[in-house]
Amino acid sequence: MSPVPPFPDAQCEALARHLGECGTGTDINRTFQTCGLRDVSGESTKWKRLYAVFLAIQSKDRCANRILAFIQTYLAPARFLGRSDDFESFRQGLNACLAFAGLEYGADGEFRPREVARTLNEAEARVRTIQSKFRGRRMHPEVLKYCRAELMQDNYFHAVFEATKGLAQRIREMSGAELDGAALVDSVFSSERPLLAFNALRTETEKSEHKGFATLLKGCFAAVRNPLAHEPKILWDGEDDAADYLSLVSLLHRKLDDCVPTLRPEL
């Protein structure tokens, strides 16, 4: 990484206060040792120790690079295995501090340049992520199966694209059909001879429900996957739509969980 200008004192303090809440004193000691940093501050409070060390190393180096190296070690994603919610919460708070320096800490543990935030509102808006939008919502495992890597990179455009492709792939695997898009749905969830059924299809209500979810599947491919495949990424609205699209895909996967095979595909 090229030299990063030293952070203003106020920003160093904000970083120190936030990072002090992200681990124990032992975690901080271990990271100091790993990064070759000495704490001679004499302070006992975690954030005050961090603040003193941060000011000292960037004054000596005339850049903030070793502060960033400390953060990458201290908040390494691997350290939070099984505690992804904690990691995401810490990362969001960190990015609110870094927004004023034009930096962002990614879910992959790498720093990336961003446009410098000028106001607190800008900084806070910038750290909203798809994970926070999903709090309170259940995301089906099949969604993550196809787009986990994209979500880890905060690449919401391609996350939605891969998730909708994964939905079609699951239908093919469950049915044995080799079609795609609307043709796949029409073949597999036909009203007359379906290969998969969303319910027992005994009553008019059940038949109507089956037809409704088949239509919803076709709408998902027509309104979400197909436009994403053809429009430029820069024209896409981004994470606001992504949370809703992925919720839709998650719902459809849950309905597929309850599907039962009825007929074998014709060869």
C-alpha atoms as a PDB file:
ATOM      1  CA  MET A   1       0.000   0.000   0.000  1.00  0.00           C
ATOM      2  CA  SER A   2       1.251   3.479  -0.834  1.00  0.00           C
ATOM      3  CA  PRO A   3       1.845   5.852   2.096  1.00  0.00           C
ATOM      4  CA  VAL A   4      -1.386   6.934   3.796  1.00  0.00           C
ATOM      5  CA  PRO A   5      -1.250  10.464   5.259  1.00  0.00           C
ATOM      6  CA  PRO A   6      -1.264  10.620   9.075  1.00  0.00           C
ATOM      7  CA  PHE A   7      -4.699  10.747  10.653  1.00  0.00           C
ATOM      8  CA  PRO A   8      -5.687  13.915  12.554  1.00  0.00           C
ATOM      9  CA  ASP A   9      -5.584  13.521  16.330  1.00  0.00           C
ATOM     10  CA  ALA A  10      -9.369  13.495  16.571  1.00  0.00           C
ATOM     11  CA  GLN A  11      -9.565  10.649  14.071  1.00  0.00           C
ATOM     12  CA  CYS A  12      -6.876   8.692  15.910  1.00  0.00           C
ATOM     13  CA  GLU A  13      -8.897   9.070  19.079  1.00  0.00           C
ATOM     14  CA  ALA A  14     -12.094   7.933  17.365  1.00  0.00           C
ATOM     15  CA  LEU A  15     -10.296   4.872  15.955  1.00  0.00           C
ATOM     16  CA  ALA A  16      -8.758   4.073  19.333  1.00  0.00           C
ATOM     17  CA  ARG A  17     -12.073   4.366  21.165  1.00  0.00           C
ATOM     18  CA  HIS A  18     -13.818   2.114  18.653  1.00  0.00           C
ATOM     19  CA  LEU A  19     -11.063  -0.498  18.478  1.00  0.00           C
ATOM     20  CA  GLY A  20     -10.872  -0.567  22.257  1.00  0.00           C
ATOM     21  CA  GLU A  21     -14.383  -2.046  22.228  1.00  0.00           C
ATOM     22  CA  CYS A  22     -13.489  -4.699  19.637  1.00  0.00           C
ATOM     23  CA  GLY A  23     -11.294  -6.919  21.816  1.00  0.00           C
ATOM     24  CA  THR A  24      -9.713  -7.538  25.176  1.00  0.00           C
ATOM     25  CA  GLY A  25      -6.510  -6.138  26.604  1.00  0.00           C
ATOM     26  CA  THR A  26      -4.911  -9.492  25.835  1.00  0.00           C
ATOM     27  CA  ASP A  27      -6.011  -9.198  22.186  1.00  0.00           C
ATOM     28  CA  ILE A  28      -4.411  -5.773  21.996  1.00  0.00           C
ATOM     29  CA  ASN A  29      -1.158  -6.986  23.607  1.00  0.00           C
ATOM     30  CA  ARG A  30      -0.969  -9.913  21.204  1.00  0.00           C
ATOM     31  CA  THR A  31      -1.526  -7.658  18.194  1.00  0.00           C
ATOM     32  CA  PHE A  32       1.082  -5.158  19.396  1.00  0.00           C
ATOM     33  CA  GLN A  33       3.571  -8.009  19.645  1.00  0.00           C
ATOM     34  CA  THR A  34       2.665  -9.424  16.229  1.00  0.00           C
ATOM     35  CA  CYS A  35       3.029  -6.007  14.600  1.00  0.00           C
ATOM     36  CA  GLY A  36       6.261  -5.172  16.405  1.00  0.00           C
ATOM     37  CA  LEU A  37       4.753  -2.239  18.297  1.00  0.00           C
ATOM     38  CA  ARG A  38       5.722  -1.147  21.819  1.00  0.00           C
ATOM     39  CA  ASP A  39       3.319   0.372  24.297  1.00  0.00           C
ATOM     40  CA  VAL A  40       5.255   2.668  26.615  1.00  0.00           C
ATOM     41  CA  SER A  41       2.277   4.892  27.398  1.00  0.00           C
ATOM     42  CA  GLY A  42       1.807   3.669  30.954  1.00  0.00           C
ATOM     43  CA  GLU A  43      -1.954   3.798  30.371  1.00  0.00           C
ATOM     44  CA  SER A  44      -4.256   1.004  31.535  1.00  0.00           C
ATOM     45  CA  THR A  45      -7.410   1.919  29.629  1.00  0.00           C
ATOM     46  CA  LYS A  46      -7.555   0.068  26.300  1.00  0.00           C
ATOM     47  CA  TRP A  47      -8.463   2.987  24.083  1.00  0.00           C
ATOM     48  CA  LYS A  48      -5.921   5.299  25.708  1.00  0.00           C
ATOM     49  CA  ARG A  49      -3.179   2.734  25.096  1.00  0.00           C
ATOM     50  CA  LEU A  50      -4.180   2.457  21.446  1.00  0.00           C
ATOM     51  CA  TYR A  51      -4.412   6.223  21.060  1.00  0.00           C
ATOM     52  CA  ALA A  52      -0.923   6.767  22.473  1.00  0.00           C
ATOM     53  CA  VAL A  53       0.625   4.077  20.280  1.00  0.00           C
ATOM     54  CA  PHE A  54      -1.171   5.303  17.150  1.00  0.00           C
ATOM     55  CA  LEU A  55       0.033   8.872  17.658  1.00  0.00           C
ATOM     56  CA  ALA A  56       3.596   7.707  18.314  1.00  0.00           C
ATOM     57  CA  ILE A  57       3.969   5.411  15.296  1.00  0.00           C
ATOM     58  CA  GLN A  58       2.467   7.771  12.746  1.00  0.00           C
ATOM     59  CA  SER A  59       4.569  10.634  14.096  1.00  0.00           C
ATOM     60  CA  LYS A  60       7.667   8.488  13.614  1.00  0.00           C
ATOM     61  CA  ASP A  61       6.639   7.072  10.223  1.00  0.00           C
ATOM     62  CA  ARG A  62       4.994  10.246   8.901  1.00  0.00           C
ATOM     63  CA  CYS A  63       2.192   8.056   7.624  1.00  0.00           C
ATOM     64  CA  ALA A  64      -0.651   5.932   9.019  1.00  0.00           C
ATOM     65  CA  ASN A  65       0.287   2.661   7.350  1.00  0.00           C
ATOM     66  CA  ARG A  66       1.277   0.851  10.528  1.00  0.00           C
ATOM     67  CA  ILE A  67      -2.021   1.819  12.120  1.00  0.00           C
ATOM     68  CA  LEU A  68      -3.787   0.161   9.202  1.00  0.00           C
ATOM     69  CA  ALA A  69      -1.525  -2.905   9.534  1.00  0.00           C
ATOM     70  CA  PHE A  70      -2.476  -3.117  13.218  1.00  0.00           C
ATOM     71  CA  ILE A  71      -6.177  -2.994  12.304  1.00  0.00           C
ATOM     72  CA  GLN A  72      -5.790  -5.738   9.694  1.00  0.00           C
ATOM     73  CA  THR A  73      -4.225  -8.013  12.276  1.00  0.00           C
ATOM     74  CA  TYR A  74      -6.513  -7.039  15.138  1.00  0.00           C
ATOM     75  CA  LEU A  75      -9.715  -7.298  13.071  1.00  0.00           C
ATOM     76  CA  ALA A  76      -8.639 -10.139  10.793  1.00  0.00           C
ATOM     77  CA  PRO A  77     -11.783 -11.936   9.540  1.00  0.00           C
ATOM     78  CA  ALA A  78     -10.358 -15.318  10.579  1.00  0.00           C
ATOM     79  CA  ARG A  79     -10.305 -14.167  14.191  1.00  0.00           C
ATOM     80  CA  PHE A  80     -14.096 -13.930  14.138  1.00  0.00           C
ATOM     81  CA  LEU A  81     -14.871 -17.419  12.865  1.00  0.00           C
ATOM     82  CA  GLY A  82     -18.319 -18.268  14.172  1.00  0.00           C
ATOM     83  CA  ARG A  83     -18.879 -14.630  15.191  1.00  0.00           C
ATOM     84  CA  SER A  84     -19.642 -13.010  11.865  1.00  0.00           C
ATOM     85  CA  ASP A  85     -22.206 -10.623  13.371  1.00  0.00           C
ATOM     86  CA  ASP A  86     -19.561  -9.255  15.754  1.00  0.00           C
ATOM     87  CA  PHE A  87     -17.091  -8.804  12.907  1.00  0.00           C
ATOM     88  CA  GLU A  88     -19.629  -6.988  10.754  1.00  0.00           C
ATOM     89  CA  SER A  89     -20.618  -4.693  13.611  1.00  0.00           C
ATOM     90  CA  PHE A  90     -16.970  -3.837  14.362  1.00  0.00           C
ATOM     91  CA  ARG A  91     -16.253  -3.318  10.659  1.00  0.00           C
ATOM     92  CA  GLN A  92     -19.149  -0.924  10.224  1.00  0.00           C
ATOM     93  CA  GLY A  93     -18.056   1.192  13.166  1.00  0.00           C
ATOM     94  CA  LEU A  94     -14.487   1.212  11.897  1.00  0.00           C
ATOM     95  CA  ASN A  95     -15.595   2.341   8.448  1.00  0.00           C
ATOM     96  CA  ALA A  96     -17.528   5.229   9.950  1.00  0.00           C
ATOM     97  CA  CYS A  97     -14.201   6.446  11.407  1.00  0.00           C
ATOM     98  CA  LEU A  98     -12.244   5.751   8.222  1.00  0.00           C
ATOM     99  CA  ALA A  99     -14.769   7.464   5.951  1.00  0.00           C
ATOM    100  CA  PHE A 100     -13.212  10.844   6.736  1.00  0.00           C
ATOM    101  CA  ALA A 101      -9.862   9.513   5.514  1.00  0.00           C
ATOM    102  CA  GLY A 102     -11.313   8.174   2.265  1.00  0.00           C
ATOM    103  CA  LEU A 103     -10.773   4.536   3.248  1.00  0.00           C
ATOM    104  CA  GLU A 104     -12.960   1.492   3.739  1.00  0.00           C
ATOM    105  CA  TYR A 105     -12.169  -1.828   5.437  1.00  0.00           C
ATOM    106  CA  GLY A 106     -13.702  -4.610   3.376  1.00  0.00           C
ATOM    107  CA  ALA A 107     -15.260  -7.833   4.586  1.00  0.00           C
ATOM    108  CA  ASP A 108     -12.218  -9.610   3.116  1.00  0.00           C
ATOM    109  CA  GLY A 109      -9.847  -7.773   5.477  1.00  0.00           C
ATOM    110  CA  GLU A 110      -8.446  -5.411   2.844  1.00  0.00           C
ATOM    111  CA  PHE A 111      -8.492  -1.615   2.726  1.00  0.00           C
ATOM    112  CA  ARG A 112      -9.864   0.190  -0.313  1.00  0.00           C
ATOM    113  CA  PRO A 113      -9.985   3.873  -1.249  1.00  0.00           C
ATOM    114  CA  ARG A 114     -13.327   5.635  -1.110  1.00  0.00           C
ATOM    115  CA  GLU A 115     -14.447   9.187  -1.699  1.00  0.00           C
ATOM    116  CA  VAL A 116     -13.738  11.240   1.417  1.00  0.00           C
ATOM    117  CA  ALA A 117     -16.819  11.832   3.578  1.00  0.00           C
ATOM    118  CA  ARG A 118     -17.416  15.473   4.470  1.00  0.00           C
ATOM    119  CA  THR A 119     -20.179  15.121   7.054  1.00  0.00           C
ATOM    120  CA  LEU A 120     -21.245  12.713   9.790  1.00  0.00           C
ATOM    121  CA  ASN A 121     -24.349  11.822   7.786  1.00  0.00           C
ATOM    122  CA  GLU A 122     -22.191  10.804   4.825  1.00  0.00           C
ATOM    123  CA  ALA A 123     -19.951   8.684   7.027  1.00  0.00           C
ATOM    124  CA  GLU A 124     -22.848   6.896   8.696  1.00  0.00           C
ATOM    125  CA  ALA A 125     -24.709   6.303   5.433  1.00  0.00           C
ATOM    126  CA  ARG A 126     -21.629   4.785   3.862  1.00  0.00           C
ATOM    127  CA  VAL A 127     -21.341   1.952   6.372  1.00  0.00           C
ATOM    128  CA  ARG A 128     -24.808   0.560   5.786  1.00  0.00           C
ATOM    129  CA  THR A 129     -24.305  -2.938   4.415  1.00  0.00           C
ATOM    130  CA  ILE A 130     -26.429  -5.746   3.074  1.00  0.00           C
ATOM    131  CA  GLN A 131     -25.798  -7.696   6.280  1.00  0.00           C
ATOM    132  CA  SER A 132     -27.327  -4.979   8.438  1.00  0.00           C
ATOM    133  CA  LYS A 133     -30.329  -4.774   6.122  1.00  0.00           C
ATOM    134  CA  PHE A 134     -30.843  -8.499   6.598  1.00  0.00           C
ATOM    135  CA  ARG A 135     -31.015  -8.297  10.388  1.00  0.00           C
ATOM    136  CA  GLY A 136     -34.349  -9.754  11.417  1.00  0.00           C
ATOM    137  CA  ARG A 137     -34.672 -11.608   8.104  1.00  0.00           C
ATOM    138  CA  ARG A 138     -33.867 -15.239   7.565  1.00  0.00           C
ATOM    139  CA  MET A 139     -31.552 -15.770   4.596  1.00  0.00           C
ATOM    140  CA  HIS A 140     -31.845 -19.249   3.120  1.00  0.00           C
ATOM    141  CA  PRO A 141     -28.550 -21.218   2.991  1.00  0.00           C
ATOM    142  CA  GLU A 142     -29.000 -21.753  -0.757  1.00  0.00           C
ATOM    143  CA  VAL A 143     -28.733 -17.991  -1.272  1.00  0.00           C
ATOM    144  CA  LEU A 144     -25.337 -17.885   0.427  1.00  0.00           C
ATOM    145  CA  LYS A 145     -24.237 -21.024  -1.404  1.00  0.00           C
ATOM    146  CA  TYR A 146     -24.226 -19.147  -4.703  1.00  0.00           C
ATOM    147  CA  CYS A 147     -23.261 -15.606  -3.705  1.00  0.00           C
ATOM    148  CA  ARG A 148     -21.238 -15.770  -0.463  1.00  0.00           C
ATOM    149  CA  ALA A 149     -18.047 -14.597  -2.172  1.00  0.00           C
ATOM    150  CA  GLU A 150     -19.806 -11.593  -3.721  1.00  0.00           C
ATOM    151  CA  LEU A 151     -21.375 -10.591  -0.394  1.00  0.00           C
ATOM    152  CA  MET A 152     -17.991 -10.860   1.329  1.00  0.00           C
ATOM    153  CA  GLN A 153     -16.731  -8.319  -1.214  1.00  0.00           C
ATOM    154  CA  ASP A 154     -19.824  -6.112  -0.753  1.00  0.00           C
ATOM    155  CA  ASN A 155     -20.468  -6.727  -4.460  1.00  0.00           C
ATOM    156  CA  TYR A 156     -24.258  -6.521  -4.293  1.00  0.00           C
ATOM    157  CA  PHE A 157     -24.864  -6.309  -8.040  1.00  0.00           C
ATOM    158  CA  HIS A 158     -23.212  -9.642  -8.740  1.00  0.00           C
ATOM    159  CA  ALA A 159     -24.488 -11.172  -5.478  1.00  0.00           C
ATOM    160  CA  VAL A 160     -28.073 -10.775  -6.694  1.00  0.00           C
ATOM    161  CA  PHE A 161     -27.139 -11.980 -10.173  1.00  0.00           C
ATOM    162  CA  GLU A 162     -25.466 -15.139  -8.842  1.00  0.00           C
ATOM    163  CA  ALA A 163     -28.279 -15.785  -6.363  1.00  0.00           C
ATOM    164  CA  THR A 164     -30.924 -15.747  -9.098  1.00  0.00           C
ATOM    165  CA  LYS A 165     -28.796 -18.015 -11.302  1.00  0.00           C
ATOM    166  CA  GLY A 166     -28.465 -20.338  -8.316  1.00  0.00           C
ATOM    167  CA  LEU A 167     -32.248 -20.427  -7.979  1.00  0.00           C
ATOM    168  CA  ALA A 168     -32.583 -21.716 -11.541  1.00  0.00           C
ATOM    169  CA  GLN A 169     -29.798 -24.248 -10.965  1.00  0.00           C
ATOM    170  CA  ARG A 170     -31.549 -25.640  -7.899  1.00  0.00           C
ATOM    171  CA  ILE A 171     -34.778 -26.115  -9.876  1.00  0.00           C
ATOM    172  CA  ARG A 172     -32.826 -28.003 -12.548  1.00  0.00           C
ATOM    173  CA  GLU A 173     -31.176 -30.220  -9.954  1.00  0.00           C
ATOM    174  CA  MET A 174     -34.465 -30.980  -8.219  1.00  0.00           C
ATOM    175  CA  SER A 175     -36.401 -31.691 -11.416  1.00  0.00           C
ATOM    176  CA  GLY A 176     -33.857 -33.071 -13.859  1.00  0.00           C
ATOM    177  CA  ALA A 177     -34.993 -30.518 -16.459  1.00  0.00           C
ATOM    178  CA  GLU A 178     -32.318 -28.833 -18.588  1.00  0.00           C
ATOM    179  CA  LEU A 179     -34.068 -25.591 -19.474  1.00  0.00           C
ATOM    180  CA  ASP A 180     -33.686 -22.057 -18.145  1.00  0.00           C
ATOM    181  CA  GLY A 181     -35.733 -19.021 -17.193  1.00  0.00           C
ATOM    182  CA  ALA A 182     -39.440 -18.938 -18.022  1.00  0.00           C
ATOM    183  CA  ALA A 183     -39.209 -22.128 -20.105  1.00  0.00           C
ATOM    184  CA  LEU A 184     -37.763 -23.953 -17.091  1.00  0.00           C
ATOM    185  CA  VAL A 185     -40.572 -22.769 -14.815  1.00  0.00           C
ATOM    186  CA  ASP A 186     -43.284 -23.575 -17.379  1.00  0.00           C
ATOM    187  CA  SER A 187     -41.922 -27.101 -17.784  1.00  0.00           C
ATOM    188  CA  VAL A 188     -41.249 -27.920 -14.138  1.00  0.00           C
ATOM    189  CA  PHE A 189     -44.303 -26.221 -12.590  1.00  0.00           C
ATOM    190  CA  SER A 190     -46.822 -26.822 -15.377  1.00  0.00           C
ATOM    191  CA  SER A 191     -50.436 -26.636 -14.212  1.00  0.00           C
ATOM    192  CA  GLU A 192     -51.279 -29.798 -16.128  1.00  0.00           C
ATOM    193  CA  ARG A 193     -48.236 -32.066 -15.717  1.00  0.00           C
ATOM    194  CA  PRO A 194     -45.833 -30.527 -13.186  1.00  0.00           C
ATOM    195  CA  LEU A 195     -42.512 -32.157 -12.399  1.00  0.00           C
ATOM    196  CA  LEU A 196     -42.490 -30.445  -8.993  1.00  0.00           C
ATOM    197  CA  ALA A 197     -45.453 -29.265  -6.951  1.00  0.00           C
ATOM    198  CA  PHE A 198     -45.547 -26.649  -4.206  1.00  0.00           C
ATOM    199  CA  ASN A 199     -48.387 -28.553  -2.492  1.00  0.00           C
ATOM    200  CA  ALA A 200     -50.722 -31.521  -2.946  1.00  0.00           C
ATOM    201  CA  LEU A 201     -52.708 -29.790  -5.739  1.00  0.00           C
ATOM    202  CA  ARG A 202     -55.940 -31.282  -4.406  1.00  0.00           C
ATOM    203  CA  THR A 203     -58.057 -28.152  -4.062  1.00  0.00           C
ATOM    204  CA  GLU A 204     -58.563 -25.066  -6.177  1.00  0.00           C
ATOM    205  CA  THR A 205     -56.806 -23.045  -3.459  1.00  0.00           C
ATOM    206  CA  GLU A 206     -53.742 -25.307  -3.617  1.00  0.00           C
ATOM    207  CA  LYS A 207     -53.707 -25.169  -7.404  1.00  0.00           C
ATOM    208  CA  SER A 208     -53.956 -21.389  -7.275  1.00  0.00           C
ATOM    209  CA  GLU A 209     -51.060 -21.216  -4.788  1.00  0.00           C
ATOM    210  CA  HIS A 210     -48.955 -23.480  -7.013  1.00  0.00           C
ATOM    211  CA  LYS A 211     -49.649 -21.314 -10.041  1.00  0.00           C
ATOM    212  CA  GLY A 212     -48.925 -18.155  -8.049  1.00  0.00           C
ATOM    213  CA  PHE A 213     -45.468 -19.257  -6.899  1.00  0.00           C
ATOM    214  CA  ALA A 214     -44.637 -20.462 -10.408  1.00  0.00           C
ATOM    215  CA  THR A 215     -45.536 -16.986 -11.671  1.00  0.00           C
ATOM    216  CA  LEU A 216     -43.407 -15.447  -8.917  1.00  0.00           C
ATOM    217  CA  LEU A 217     -40.437 -17.552 -10.045  1.00  0.00           C
ATOM    218  CA  LYS A 218     -40.868 -16.396 -13.630  1.00  0.00           C
ATOM    219  CA  GLY A 219     -41.155 -12.813 -12.428  1.00  0.00           C
ATOM    220  CA  CYS A 220     -37.926 -13.165 -10.463  1.00  0.00           C
ATOM    221  CA  PHE A 221     -36.040 -14.277 -13.559  1.00  0.00           C
ATOM    222  CA  ALA A 222     -37.680 -11.663 -15.806  1.00  0.00           C
ATOM    223  CA  ALA A 223     -37.456  -8.689 -13.451  1.00  0.00           C
ATOM    224  CA  VAL A 224     -34.206  -9.413 -11.612  1.00  0.00           C
ATOM    225  CA  ARG A 225     -31.839 -11.811 -13.350  1.00  0.00           C
ATOM    226  CA  ASN A 226     -32.412 -10.857 -16.966  1.00  0.00           C
ATOM    227  CA  PRO A 227     -32.049  -7.072 -16.487  1.00  0.00           C
ATOM    228  CA  LEU A 228     -28.909  -7.590 -14.388  1.00  0.00           C
ATOM    229  CA  ALA A 229     -27.418  -9.685 -17.167  1.00  0.00           C
ATOM    230  CA  HIS A 230     -27.831  -6.874 -19.701  1.00  0.00           C
ATOM    231  CA  GLU A 231     -27.620  -3.508 -17.954  1.00  0.00           C
ATOM    232  CA  PRO A 232     -24.390  -1.743 -16.942  1.00  0.00           C
ATOM    233  CA  LYS A 233     -23.479  -2.144 -13.280  1.00  0.00           C
ATOM    234  CA  ILE A 234     -23.184   1.623 -12.792  1.00  0.00           C
ATOM    235  CA  LEU A 235     -26.915   2.055 -13.545  1.00  0.00           C
ATOM    236  CA  TRP A 236     -28.011  -0.322 -10.779  1.00  0.00           C
ATOM    237  CA  ASP A 237     -29.490   1.094  -7.557  1.00  0.00           C
ATOM    238  CA  GLY A 238     -27.332  -1.131  -5.342  1.00  0.00           C
ATOM    239  CA  GLU A 239     -27.730  -2.379  -1.797  1.00  0.00           C
ATOM    240  CA  ASP A 240     -31.244  -1.027  -1.145  1.00  0.00           C
ATOM    241  CA  ASP A 241     -32.650  -3.220  -3.913  1.00  0.00           C
ATOM    242  CA  ALA A 242     -30.241  -6.051  -3.143  1.00  0.00           C
ATOM    243  CA  ALA A 243     -31.691  -6.692   0.324  1.00  0.00           C
ATOM    244  CA  ASP A 244     -35.200  -6.993  -1.104  1.00  0.00           C
ATOM    245  CA  TYR A 245     -34.153  -9.065  -4.119  1.00  0.00           C
ATOM    246  CA  LEU A 246     -32.223 -11.507  -1.965  1.00  0.00           C
ATOM    247  CA  SER A 247     -35.177 -11.740   0.425  1.00  0.00           C
ATOM    248  CA  LEU A 248     -37.337 -12.705  -2.544  1.00  0.00           C
ATOM    249  CA  VAL A 249     -34.853 -15.354  -3.669  1.00  0.00           C
ATOM    250  CA  SER A 250     -34.655 -16.632  -0.085  1.00  0.00           C
ATOM    251  CA  LEU A 251     -38.453 -16.940   0.087  1.00  0.00           C
ATOM    252  CA  LEU A 252     -38.540 -18.900  -3.165  1.00  0.00           C
ATOM    253  CA  HIS A 253     -35.858 -21.285  -1.889  1.00  0.00           C
ATOM    254  CA  ARG A 254     -37.943 -21.916   1.223  1.00  0.00           C
ATOM    255  CA  LYS A 255     -40.906 -22.774  -0.977  1.00  0.00           C
ATOM    256  CA  LEU A 256     -38.695 -25.123  -2.991  1.00  0.00           C
ATOM    257  CA  ASP A 257     -37.785 -26.872   0.272  1.00  0.00           C
ATOM    258  CA  ASP A 258     -41.387 -28.086   0.498  1.00  0.00           C
ATOM    259  CA  CYS A 259     -41.743 -29.067  -3.160  1.00  0.00           C
ATOM    260  CA  VAL A 260     -42.376 -32.713  -4.009  1.00  0.00           C
ATOM    261  CA  PRO A 261     -41.593 -34.472  -7.314  1.00  0.00           C
ATOM    262  CA  THR A 262     -44.623 -35.659  -9.279  1.00  0.00           C
ATOM    263  CA  LEU A 263     -43.354 -36.781 -12.684  1.00  0.00           C
ATOM    264  CA  ARG A 264     -40.036 -37.559 -14.344  1.00  0.00           C
ATOM    265  CA  PRO A 265     -38.936 -35.288 -17.194  1.00  0.00           C
ATOM    266  CA  GLU A 266     -39.483 -36.694 -20.664  1.00  0.00           C
ATOM    267  CA  LEU A 267     -36.278 -37.806 -22.360  1.00  0.00           C
END
